C-alpha atoms as a PDB file:
ATOM      1  CA  UNK A   1     122.869  62.157  35.985  1.00  0.00           C
ATOM      2  CA  UNK A   2     119.710  63.890  34.612  1.00  0.00           C
ATOM      3  CA  UNK A   3     118.517  64.424  38.204  1.00  0.00           C
ATOM      4  CA  UNK A   4     121.667  66.025  39.226  1.00  0.00           C
ATOM      5  CA  UNK A   5     121.426  68.248  36.051  1.00  0.00           C
ATOM      6  CA  UNK A   6     118.035  69.351  36.904  1.00  0.00           C
ATOM      7  CA  UNK A   7     119.001  70.334  40.632  1.00  0.00           C
ATOM      8  CA  UNK A   8     121.859  72.282  39.164  1.00  0.00           C
ATOM      9  CA  UNK A   9     119.468  74.200  36.532  1.00  0.00           C
ATOM     10  CA  UNK A  10     117.006  74.889  39.332  1.00  0.00           C
ATOM     11  CA  UNK A  11     119.618  76.462  41.600  1.00  0.00           C
ATOM     12  CA  UNK A  12     121.167  78.753  38.881  1.00  0.00           C
ATOM     13  CA  UNK A  13     117.621  79.871  37.777  1.00  0.00           C
ATOM     14  CA  UNK A  14     116.857  80.742  41.362  1.00  0.00           C
ATOM     15  CA  UNK A  15     120.300  82.697  41.916  1.00  0.00           C
ATOM     16  CA  UNK A  16     119.595  84.515  38.512  1.00  0.00           C
ATOM     17  CA  UNK A  17     116.066  85.595  39.416  1.00  0.00           C
ATOM     18  CA  UNK A  18     115.540  89.142  41.112  1.00  0.00           C
ATOM     19  CA  UNK A  19     113.976  87.654  44.175  1.00  0.00           C
ATOM     20  CA  UNK A  20     111.075  89.839  45.095  1.00  0.00           C
ATOM     21  CA  UNK A  21     110.651  90.803  48.766  1.00  0.00           C
ATOM     22  CA  UNK A  22     107.200  92.062  48.662  1.00  0.00           C
ATOM     23  CA  UNK A  23     106.132  95.654  48.426  1.00  0.00           C
ATOM     24  CA  UNK A  24     109.136  97.224  50.412  1.00  0.00           C
ATOM     25  CA  UNK A  25     109.503 101.009  50.360  1.00  0.00           C
ATOM     26  CA  UNK A  26     110.334 103.934  52.642  1.00  0.00           C
ATOM     27  CA  UNK A  27     107.627 106.403  54.068  1.00  0.00           C
ATOM     28  CA  UNK A  28     108.655 109.914  55.568  1.00  0.00           C
ATOM     29  CA  UNK A  29     107.566 110.852  58.986  1.00  0.00           C
ATOM     30  CA  UNK A  30     105.471 113.666  57.652  1.00  0.00           C
ATOM     31  CA  UNK A  31     103.315 111.536  55.117  1.00  0.00           C
ATOM     32  CA  UNK A  32     102.780 108.813  57.883  1.00  0.00           C
ATOM     33  CA  UNK A  33     101.352 111.341  60.060  1.00  0.00           C
ATOM     34  CA  UNK A  34      98.547 112.188  57.791  1.00  0.00           C
ATOM     35  CA  UNK A  35      97.516 108.728  57.133  1.00  0.00           C
ATOM     36  CA  UNK A  36      98.393 106.670  60.456  1.00  0.00           C
ATOM     37  CA  UNK A  37      95.254 104.932  60.647  1.00  0.00           C
ATOM     38  CA  UNK A  38      95.556 103.438  57.075  1.00  0.00           C
ATOM     39  CA  UNK A  39      98.252 100.820  58.382  1.00  0.00           C
ATOM     40  CA  UNK A  40      99.117  98.644  61.180  1.00  0.00           C
ATOM     41  CA  UNK A  41     102.112 100.361  62.834  1.00  0.00           C
ATOM     42  CA  UNK A  42     104.902  98.173  64.443  1.00  0.00           C
ATOM     43  CA  UNK A  43     107.318  99.363  66.721  1.00  0.00           C
ATOM     44  CA  UNK A  44     110.695  96.910  66.482  1.00  0.00           C
ATOM     45  CA  UNK A  45     112.293  98.349  69.645  1.00  0.00           C
ATOM     46  CA  UNK A  46     112.471  96.598  73.021  1.00  0.00           C
ATOM     47  CA  UNK A  47     109.289  96.640  74.786  1.00  0.00           C
ATOM     48  CA  UNK A  48     110.664  99.083  77.592  1.00  0.00           C
ATOM     49  CA  UNK A  49     111.386 101.656  74.753  1.00  0.00           C
ATOM     50  CA  UNK A  50     107.882 101.256  73.313  1.00  0.00           C
ATOM     51  CA  UNK A  51     106.413 102.099  76.868  1.00  0.00           C
ATOM     52  CA  UNK A  52     108.574 105.030  77.224  1.00  0.00           C
ATOM     53  CA  UNK A  53     107.155 106.473  73.901  1.00  0.00           C
ATOM     54  CA  UNK A  54     105.636 105.154  70.722  1.00  0.00           C
ATOM     55  CA  UNK A  55     103.595 106.416  67.551  1.00  0.00           C
ATOM     56  CA  UNK A  56      99.975 106.582  68.292  1.00  0.00           C
ATOM     57  CA  UNK A  57      98.514 103.115  67.841  1.00  0.00           C
ATOM     58  CA  UNK A  58     101.737 101.525  67.223  1.00  0.00           C
ATOM     59  CA  UNK A  59     102.118  97.731  68.646  1.00  0.00           C
ATOM     60  CA  UNK A  60     105.292  96.557  70.058  1.00  0.00           C
ATOM     61  CA  UNK A  61     106.964  93.935  67.866  1.00  0.00           C
ATOM     62  CA  UNK A  62     110.453  93.350  69.375  1.00  0.00           C
ATOM     63  CA  UNK A  63     112.160  90.172  67.588  1.00  0.00           C
ATOM     64  CA  UNK A  64     113.120  88.740  71.038  1.00  0.00           C
ATOM     65  CA  UNK A  65     109.534  88.157  71.968  1.00  0.00           C
ATOM     66  CA  UNK A  66     109.034  86.222  68.759  1.00  0.00           C
ATOM     67  CA  UNK A  67     112.248  84.049  69.110  1.00  0.00           C
ATOM     68  CA  UNK A  68     113.282  81.395  71.405  1.00  0.00           C
ATOM     69  CA  UNK A  69     116.465  79.508  72.492  1.00  0.00           C
ATOM     70  CA  UNK A  70     115.957  76.094  73.923  1.00  0.00           C
ATOM     71  CA  UNK A  71     119.141  76.291  75.833  1.00  0.00           C
ATOM     72  CA  UNK A  72     121.754  78.685  76.836  1.00  0.00           C
ATOM     73  CA  UNK A  73     124.082  79.417  73.851  1.00  0.00           C
ATOM     74  CA  UNK A  74     121.700  77.579  71.357  1.00  0.00           C
ATOM     75  CA  UNK A  75     120.826  78.940  68.234  1.00  0.00           C
ATOM     76  CA  UNK A  76     118.232  81.564  68.310  1.00  0.00           C
ATOM     77  CA  UNK A  77     115.089  80.365  66.428  1.00  0.00           C
ATOM     78  CA  UNK A  78     112.159  82.336  64.945  1.00  0.00           C
ATOM     79  CA  UNK A  79     108.679  81.189  65.969  1.00  0.00           C
ATOM     80  CA  UNK A  80     107.472  78.587  63.357  1.00  0.00           C
ATOM     81  CA  UNK A  81     104.914  80.060  60.678  1.00  0.00           C
ATOM     82  CA  UNK A  82     102.017  78.259  62.478  1.00  0.00           C
ATOM     83  CA  UNK A  83     102.896  80.158  65.615  1.00  0.00           C
ATOM     84  CA  UNK A  84     103.851  83.415  63.817  1.00  0.00           C
ATOM     85  CA  UNK A  85     100.582  83.586  61.855  1.00  0.00           C
ATOM     86  CA  UNK A  86      98.065  83.725  64.793  1.00  0.00           C
ATOM     87  CA  UNK A  87     100.545  86.171  66.476  1.00  0.00           C
ATOM     88  CA  UNK A  88     100.216  88.581  63.628  1.00  0.00           C
ATOM     89  CA  UNK A  89      96.647  87.936  63.317  1.00  0.00           C
ATOM     90  CA  UNK A  90      96.265  89.027  67.051  1.00  0.00           C
ATOM     91  CA  UNK A  91      97.958  92.362  65.971  1.00  0.00           C
ATOM     92  CA  UNK A  92      94.878  92.799  63.457  1.00  0.00           C
ATOM     93  CA  UNK A  93      97.355  91.776  60.570  1.00  0.00           C
ATOM     94  CA  UNK A  94      96.392  89.630  57.617  1.00  0.00           C
ATOM     95  CA  UNK A  95      98.537  88.919  54.487  1.00  0.00           C
ATOM     96  CA  UNK A  96      97.169  91.912  52.727  1.00  0.00           C
ATOM     97  CA  UNK A  97      97.243  94.551  55.665  1.00  0.00           C
ATOM     98  CA  UNK A  98      99.429  97.508  54.790  1.00  0.00           C
ATOM     99  CA  UNK A  99     102.109  97.528  57.557  1.00  0.00           C
ATOM    100  CA  UNK A 100     104.563 100.241  58.641  1.00  0.00           C
ATOM    101  CA  UNK A 101     107.470  99.331  60.533  1.00  0.00           C
ATOM    102  CA  UNK A 102     110.014 101.445  62.610  1.00  0.00           C
ATOM    103  CA  UNK A 103     112.772 101.358  65.008  1.00  0.00           C
ATOM    104  CA  UNK A 104     115.813 103.494  66.068  1.00  0.00           C
ATOM    105  CA  UNK A 105     118.725 101.459  64.266  1.00  0.00           C
ATOM    106  CA  UNK A 106     120.205 101.386  67.815  1.00  0.00           C
ATOM    107  CA  UNK A 107     118.327  99.640  70.601  1.00  0.00           C
ATOM    108  CA  UNK A 108     116.324  97.850  68.054  1.00  0.00           C
ATOM    109  CA  UNK A 109     119.481  96.265  66.772  1.00  0.00           C
ATOM    110  CA  UNK A 110     118.023  96.450  63.145  1.00  0.00           C
ATOM    111  CA  UNK A 111     114.894  94.843  64.510  1.00  0.00           C
ATOM    112  CA  UNK A 112     112.772  96.881  61.850  1.00  0.00           C
ATOM    113  CA  UNK A 113     114.886  94.885  59.112  1.00  0.00           C
ATOM    114  CA  UNK A 114     114.104  91.578  60.992  1.00  0.00           C
ATOM    115  CA  UNK A 115     110.354  92.670  60.946  1.00  0.00           C
ATOM    116  CA  UNK A 116     110.357  93.498  57.017  1.00  0.00           C
ATOM    117  CA  UNK A 117     112.180  90.371  56.333  1.00  0.00           C
ATOM    118  CA  UNK A 118     109.899  88.198  58.242  1.00  0.00           C
ATOM    119  CA  UNK A 119     106.872  89.451  56.766  1.00  0.00           C
ATOM    120  CA  UNK A 120     108.335  89.302  53.288  1.00  0.00           C
ATOM    121  CA  UNK A 121     109.371  85.591  53.883  1.00  0.00           C
ATOM    122  CA  UNK A 122     105.884  84.816  54.904  1.00  0.00           C
ATOM    123  CA  UNK A 123     104.578  85.857  51.804  1.00  0.00           C
ATOM    124  CA  UNK A 124     102.819  89.237  52.879  1.00  0.00           C
ATOM    125  CA  UNK A 125     100.944  90.825  49.953  1.00  0.00           C
ATOM    126  CA  UNK A 126     100.140  94.079  51.443  1.00  0.00           C
ATOM    127  CA  UNK A 127     102.432  97.076  51.474  1.00  0.00           C
ATOM    128  CA  UNK A 128     105.554  97.064  53.811  1.00  0.00           C
ATOM    129  CA  UNK A 129     106.943 100.562  54.659  1.00  0.00           C
ATOM    130  CA  UNK A 130     109.896 101.594  56.690  1.00  0.00           C
ATOM    131  CA  UNK A 131     109.620 104.808  58.683  1.00  0.00           C
ATOM    132  CA  UNK A 132     112.585 106.685  56.928  1.00  0.00           C
ATOM    133  CA  UNK A 133     114.615 107.943  60.047  1.00  0.00           C
ATOM    134  CA  UNK A 134     112.831 105.937  62.533  1.00  0.00           C
ATOM    135  CA  UNK A 135     111.521 107.270  65.488  1.00  0.00           C
ATOM    136  CA  UNK A 136     114.286 109.966  65.526  1.00  0.00           C
ATOM    137  CA  UNK A 137     112.714 111.409  62.398  1.00  0.00           C
ATOM    138  CA  UNK A 138     109.267 111.410  64.128  1.00  0.00           C
ATOM    139  CA  UNK A 139     110.574 113.267  67.391  1.00  0.00           C
ATOM    140  CA  UNK A 140     112.616 115.587  65.204  1.00  0.00           C
ATOM    141  CA  UNK A 141     109.382 117.088  63.808  1.00  0.00           C
ATOM    142  CA  UNK A 142     107.546 117.333  66.883  1.00  0.00           C
ATOM    143  CA  UNK A 143     105.076 114.679  66.183  1.00  0.00           C
ATOM    144  CA  UNK A 144     102.829 113.109  68.986  1.00  0.00           C
ATOM    145  CA  UNK A 145     104.088 109.909  71.142  1.00  0.00           C
ATOM    146  CA  UNK A 146     102.010 107.875  73.407  1.00  0.00           C
ATOM    147  CA  UNK A 147     103.266 106.418  76.587  1.00  0.00           C
ATOM    148  CA  UNK A 148     102.301 103.239  78.328  1.00  0.00           C
ATOM    149  CA  UNK A 149     100.183 100.005  77.256  1.00  0.00           C
ATOM    150  CA  UNK A 150      97.820  99.978  74.194  1.00  0.00           C
ATOM    151  CA  UNK A 151      94.369 101.144  75.024  1.00  0.00           C
ATOM    152  CA  UNK A 152      92.564  99.522  72.065  1.00  0.00           C
ATOM    153  CA  UNK A 153      92.116  95.728  71.116  1.00  0.00           C
ATOM    154  CA  UNK A 154      92.996  95.043  67.416  1.00  0.00           C
ATOM    155  CA  UNK A 155      90.195  93.564  65.192  1.00  0.00           C
ATOM    156  CA  UNK A 156      90.585  90.051  64.792  1.00  0.00           C
ATOM    157  CA  UNK A 157      92.236  88.875  61.638  1.00  0.00           C
ATOM    158  CA  UNK A 158      93.593  85.495  59.904  1.00  0.00           C
ATOM    159  CA  UNK A 159      97.143  85.285  58.315  1.00  0.00           C
ATOM    160  CA  UNK A 160      97.415  83.220  55.331  1.00  0.00           C
ATOM    161  CA  UNK A 161     101.050  82.075  55.055  1.00  0.00           C
ATOM    162  CA  UNK A 162     102.538  81.661  51.438  1.00  0.00           C
ATOM    163  CA  UNK A 163     106.303  81.208  52.356  1.00  0.00           C
ATOM    164  CA  UNK A 164     109.032  82.666  50.160  1.00  0.00           C
ATOM    165  CA  UNK A 165     112.086  80.416  51.216  1.00  0.00           C
ATOM    166  CA  UNK A 166     113.982  81.887  48.508  1.00  0.00           C
ATOM    167  CA  UNK A 167     114.742  85.129  50.744  1.00  0.00           C
ATOM    168  CA  UNK A 168     116.568  83.023  53.221  1.00  0.00           C
ATOM    169  CA  UNK A 169     119.449  80.758  53.483  1.00  0.00           C
ATOM    170  CA  UNK A 170     120.168  78.025  56.017  1.00  0.00           C
ATOM    171  CA  UNK A 171     123.573  76.728  57.194  1.00  0.00           C
ATOM    172  CA  UNK A 172     123.365  73.784  54.846  1.00  0.00           C
ATOM    173  CA  UNK A 173     122.872  75.824  51.928  1.00  0.00           C
ATOM    174  CA  UNK A 174     126.199  77.744  52.175  1.00  0.00           C
ATOM    175  CA  UNK A 175     128.438  75.020  50.932  1.00  0.00           C
ATOM    176  CA  UNK A 176     126.415  74.496  48.043  1.00  0.00           C
ATOM    177  CA  UNK A 177     126.315  78.237  47.073  1.00  0.00           C
ATOM    178  CA  UNK A 178     130.016  78.730  47.578  1.00  0.00           C
ATOM    179  CA  UNK A 179     131.282  80.617  44.764  1.00  0.00           C
ATOM    180  CA  UNK A 180     127.879  81.746  43.551  1.00  0.00           C
ATOM    181  CA  UNK A 181     126.960  84.314  46.087  1.00  0.00           C
ATOM    182  CA  UNK A 182     128.879  86.992  47.963  1.00  0.00           C
ATOM    183  CA  UNK A 183     128.928  86.452  51.905  1.00  0.00           C
ATOM    184  CA  UNK A 184     128.732  89.510  53.939  1.00  0.00           C
ATOM    185  CA  UNK A 185     129.465  89.391  57.699  1.00  0.00           C
ATOM    186  CA  UNK A 186     127.853  92.422  59.386  1.00  0.00           C
ATOM    187  CA  UNK A 187     128.646  91.740  63.034  1.00  0.00           C
ATOM    188  CA  UNK A 188     131.049  93.896  65.114  1.00  0.00           C
ATOM    189  CA  UNK A 189     134.836  93.912  64.515  1.00  0.00           C
ATOM    190  CA  UNK A 190     135.575  91.831  67.718  1.00  0.00           C
ATOM    191  CA  UNK A 191     132.974  89.257  66.730  1.00  0.00           C
ATOM    192  CA  UNK A 192     134.674  89.153  63.255  1.00  0.00           C
ATOM    193  CA  UNK A 193     137.982  88.381  64.589  1.00  0.00           C
ATOM    194  CA  UNK A 194     136.697  85.945  66.911  1.00  0.00           C
ATOM    195  CA  UNK A 195     135.677  83.709  64.022  1.00  0.00           C
ATOM    196  CA  UNK A 196     133.692  84.064  60.830  1.00  0.00           C
ATOM    197  CA  UNK A 197     132.371  81.926  57.951  1.00  0.00           C
ATOM    198  CA  UNK A 198     135.156  81.285  55.369  1.00  0.00           C
ATOM    199  CA  UNK A 199     134.979  83.637  52.412  1.00  0.00           C
ATOM    200  CA  UNK A 200     133.060  86.280  53.999  1.00  0.00           C
ATOM    201  CA  UNK A 201     133.683  89.861  53.666  1.00  0.00           C
ATOM    202  CA  UNK A 202     133.157  92.142  56.817  1.00  0.00           C
ATOM    203  CA  UNK A 203     131.041  95.324  56.844  1.00  0.00           C
ATOM    204  CA  UNK A 204     129.465  96.174  59.988  1.00  0.00           C
ATOM    205  CA  UNK A 205     125.856  96.580  60.127  1.00  0.00           C
ATOM    206  CA  UNK A 206     125.980 100.233  61.286  1.00  0.00           C
ATOM    207  CA  UNK A 207     127.471 101.187  57.935  1.00  0.00           C
ATOM    208  CA  UNK A 208     124.140 100.292  56.397  1.00  0.00           C
ATOM    209  CA  UNK A 209     122.663 103.618  57.727  1.00  0.00           C
ATOM    210  CA  UNK A 210     123.832 107.264  57.973  1.00  0.00           C
ATOM    211  CA  UNK A 211     123.228 110.425  59.595  1.00  0.00           C
ATOM    212  CA  UNK A 212     121.640 111.611  63.064  1.00  0.00           C
ATOM    213  CA  UNK A 213     118.302 109.963  62.183  1.00  0.00           C
ATOM    214  CA  UNK A 214     120.030 106.673  61.036  1.00  0.00           C
ATOM    215  CA  UNK A 215     118.491 106.556  57.505  1.00  0.00           C
ATOM    216  CA  UNK A 216     119.087 103.781  55.288  1.00  0.00           C
ATOM    217  CA  UNK A 217     121.798 104.256  52.590  1.00  0.00           C
ATOM    218  CA  UNK A 218     120.494 105.325  49.482  1.00  0.00           C
ATOM    219  CA  UNK A 219     121.005 103.191  46.235  1.00  0.00           C
ATOM    220  CA  UNK A 220     124.215 105.130  45.217  1.00  0.00           C
ATOM    221  CA  UNK A 221     125.558 104.860  48.887  1.00  0.00           C
ATOM    222  CA  UNK A 222     125.148 101.205  49.156  1.00  0.00           C
ATOM    223  CA  UNK A 223     126.617 100.467  45.754  1.00  0.00           C
ATOM    224  CA  UNK A 224     129.751 102.368  46.770  1.00  0.00           C
ATOM    225  CA  UNK A 225     129.807 100.631  50.127  1.00  0.00           C
ATOM    226  CA  UNK A 226     129.677  97.109  48.632  1.00  0.00           C
ATOM    227  CA  UNK A 227     132.232  98.016  45.939  1.00  0.00           C
ATOM    228  CA  UNK A 228     134.518  99.453  48.325  1.00  0.00           C
ATOM    229  CA  UNK A 229     134.545  96.026  50.199  1.00  0.00           C
ATOM    230  CA  UNK A 230     135.012  93.936  46.949  1.00  0.00           C
ATOM    231  CA  UNK A 231     131.271  92.973  46.764  1.00  0.00           C
ATOM    232  CA  UNK A 232     129.714  92.894  43.241  1.00  0.00           C
ATOM    233  CA  UNK A 233     126.277  94.277  43.548  1.00  0.00           C
ATOM    234  CA  UNK A 234     125.058  92.170  40.462  1.00  0.00           C
ATOM    235  CA  UNK A 235     125.865  88.985  41.929  1.00  0.00           C
ATOM    236  CA  UNK A 236     123.624  87.427  44.904  1.00  0.00           C
ATOM    237  CA  UNK A 237     124.455  88.503  48.414  1.00  0.00           C
ATOM    238  CA  UNK A 238     124.173  86.561  51.629  1.00  0.00           C
ATOM    239  CA  UNK A 239     124.113  88.786  54.757  1.00  0.00           C
ATOM    240  CA  UNK A 240     124.687  87.142  58.228  1.00  0.00           C
ATOM    241  CA  UNK A 241     125.304  88.106  61.701  1.00  0.00           C
ATOM    242  CA  UNK A 242     125.248  86.187  65.086  1.00  0.00           C
ATOM    243  CA  UNK A 243     121.649  85.210  64.742  1.00  0.00           C
ATOM    244  CA  UNK A 244     120.074  87.060  61.783  1.00  0.00           C
ATOM    245  CA  UNK A 245     118.546  90.408  62.956  1.00  0.00           C
ATOM    246  CA  UNK A 246     121.399  92.872  62.203  1.00  0.00           C
ATOM    247  CA  UNK A 247     121.706  91.022  58.982  1.00  0.00           C
ATOM    248  CA  UNK A 248     117.913  91.513  58.285  1.00  0.00           C
ATOM    249  CA  UNK A 249     118.560  95.161  58.521  1.00  0.00           C
ATOM    250  CA  UNK A 250     121.401  94.950  55.829  1.00  0.00           C
ATOM    251  CA  UNK A 251     118.933  92.798  53.592  1.00  0.00           C
ATOM    252  CA  UNK A 252     116.450  95.417  53.860  1.00  0.00           C
ATOM    253  CA  UNK A 253     118.529  98.308  52.871  1.00  0.00           C
ATOM    254  CA  UNK A 254     119.710  96.077  49.787  1.00  0.00           C
ATOM    255  CA  UNK A 255     116.122  95.575  48.868  1.00  0.00           C
ATOM    256  CA  UNK A 256     115.263  99.127  49.105  1.00  0.00           C
ATOM    257  CA  UNK A 257     117.938 100.045  47.056  1.00  0.00           C
ATOM    258  CA  UNK A 258     116.635  98.043  43.952  1.00  0.00           C
ATOM    259  CA  UNK A 259     119.792  95.770  43.684  1.00  0.00           C
ATOM    260  CA  UNK A 260     119.653  92.196  42.663  1.00  0.00           C
ATOM    261  CA  UNK A 261     118.962  89.226  45.021  1.00  0.00           C
ATOM    262  CA  UNK A 262     120.010  89.188  48.434  1.00  0.00           C
ATOM    263  CA  UNK A 263     119.042  86.654  51.341  1.00  0.00           C
ATOM    264  CA  UNK A 264     119.389  86.681  55.025  1.00  0.00           C
ATOM    265  CA  UNK A 265     121.134  83.790  56.978  1.00  0.00           C
ATOM    266  CA  UNK A 266     118.669  83.422  59.811  1.00  0.00           C
ATOM    267  CA  UNK A 267     120.367  81.821  62.559  1.00  0.00           C
ATOM    268  CA  UNK A 268     123.927  83.247  61.314  1.00  0.00           C
ATOM    269  CA  UNK A 269     127.093  82.061  63.116  1.00  0.00           C
ATOM    270  CA  UNK A 270     125.095  80.523  65.842  1.00  0.00           C
ATOM    271  CA  UNK A 271     123.825  77.951  63.379  1.00  0.00           C
ATOM    272  CA  UNK A 272     126.954  77.938  61.348  1.00  0.00           C
ATOM    273  CA  UNK A 273     128.861  76.696  64.515  1.00  0.00           C
ATOM    274  CA  UNK A 274     126.454  73.953  64.721  1.00  0.00           C
ATOM    275  CA  UNK A 275     127.576  72.401  61.510  1.00  0.00           C
ATOM    276  CA  UNK A 276     131.090  71.987  62.922  1.00  0.00           C
ATOM    277  CA  UNK A 277     132.821  73.338  59.914  1.00  0.00           C
END
C-alpha cells in the first residue's frame, strides 16, 4: 500500500510541474540574418526541398531520415539516443550548441516542431530557436538562399544525452493518465473519423499556425483555440497524431506560448493500435 501511495505521489507531482522544454523561443528572419554563424541551422523540410534552396549553412534535418519502420505498417520509431547523439555530433552539435530550426509548416509536416521536441527530450542545454514564419519569412524579405549540397564539413562534436522523459508519453502511459490530462488529436478530419483514442479532442495541426507565413499561434490565439474545443489550458495536455511529428508541432506551439505542461505522444495512433485497445 505504501508503495502504491508513493507511485501516486510521484505521478501527481510530475503532472503538477511545469515541465521544462529547454530554452525554446522564436527568432525573426531579420535578426537571424545578422548572426547566422552563431548557431547551427537545421532545415526540417524533406531533403529535396533543402536541395532546391536553403538558408546559408543550414543542414538537412528531415524527420524521416532519423526514424525507421521495421515492416510496412509498423510503428514509426525515432532513432535511439545512442544513435541520435552521434548523428547530431556529425552536424557539429553538442548539448550546449545554439540551434535554429526552420521548416515551412507544409512539406515539413511540422518537422520543425519534431526537431525542437527531439532536442528538448534529449536534454539539450543550448538555446533552441524556431525561425518565426519559416522559410517563407526568409524569402519574403529577399534574404539569400543556397542550392545544392553542403560545401563545408562541420567541426567534430560530442553530444551528451540527458533524457527528459517527462516531455513524452508512451501508449502504456495513457490509461494511467486518463482524467489527469487533456488528449488532443491533431490529425486530419478523415483520420479522426477512421478512429481515434477514446476521450480525445480533435484540433487539426494546421490550426496551430496562421497567416501566409504560417507563423505559430500567439499565446492568446492558442488559449482561444484550446478553450474553443473545451481544452483546459491549465491542465496537462498530451498531443498525438499518426506517428508523432505533427503533434510535435502542436507541442512546440504550446511551449512557446508559456502554457503549463504539454507532452508529445511519439508513436501516436500507430503505437496505440498495437496495444489492441
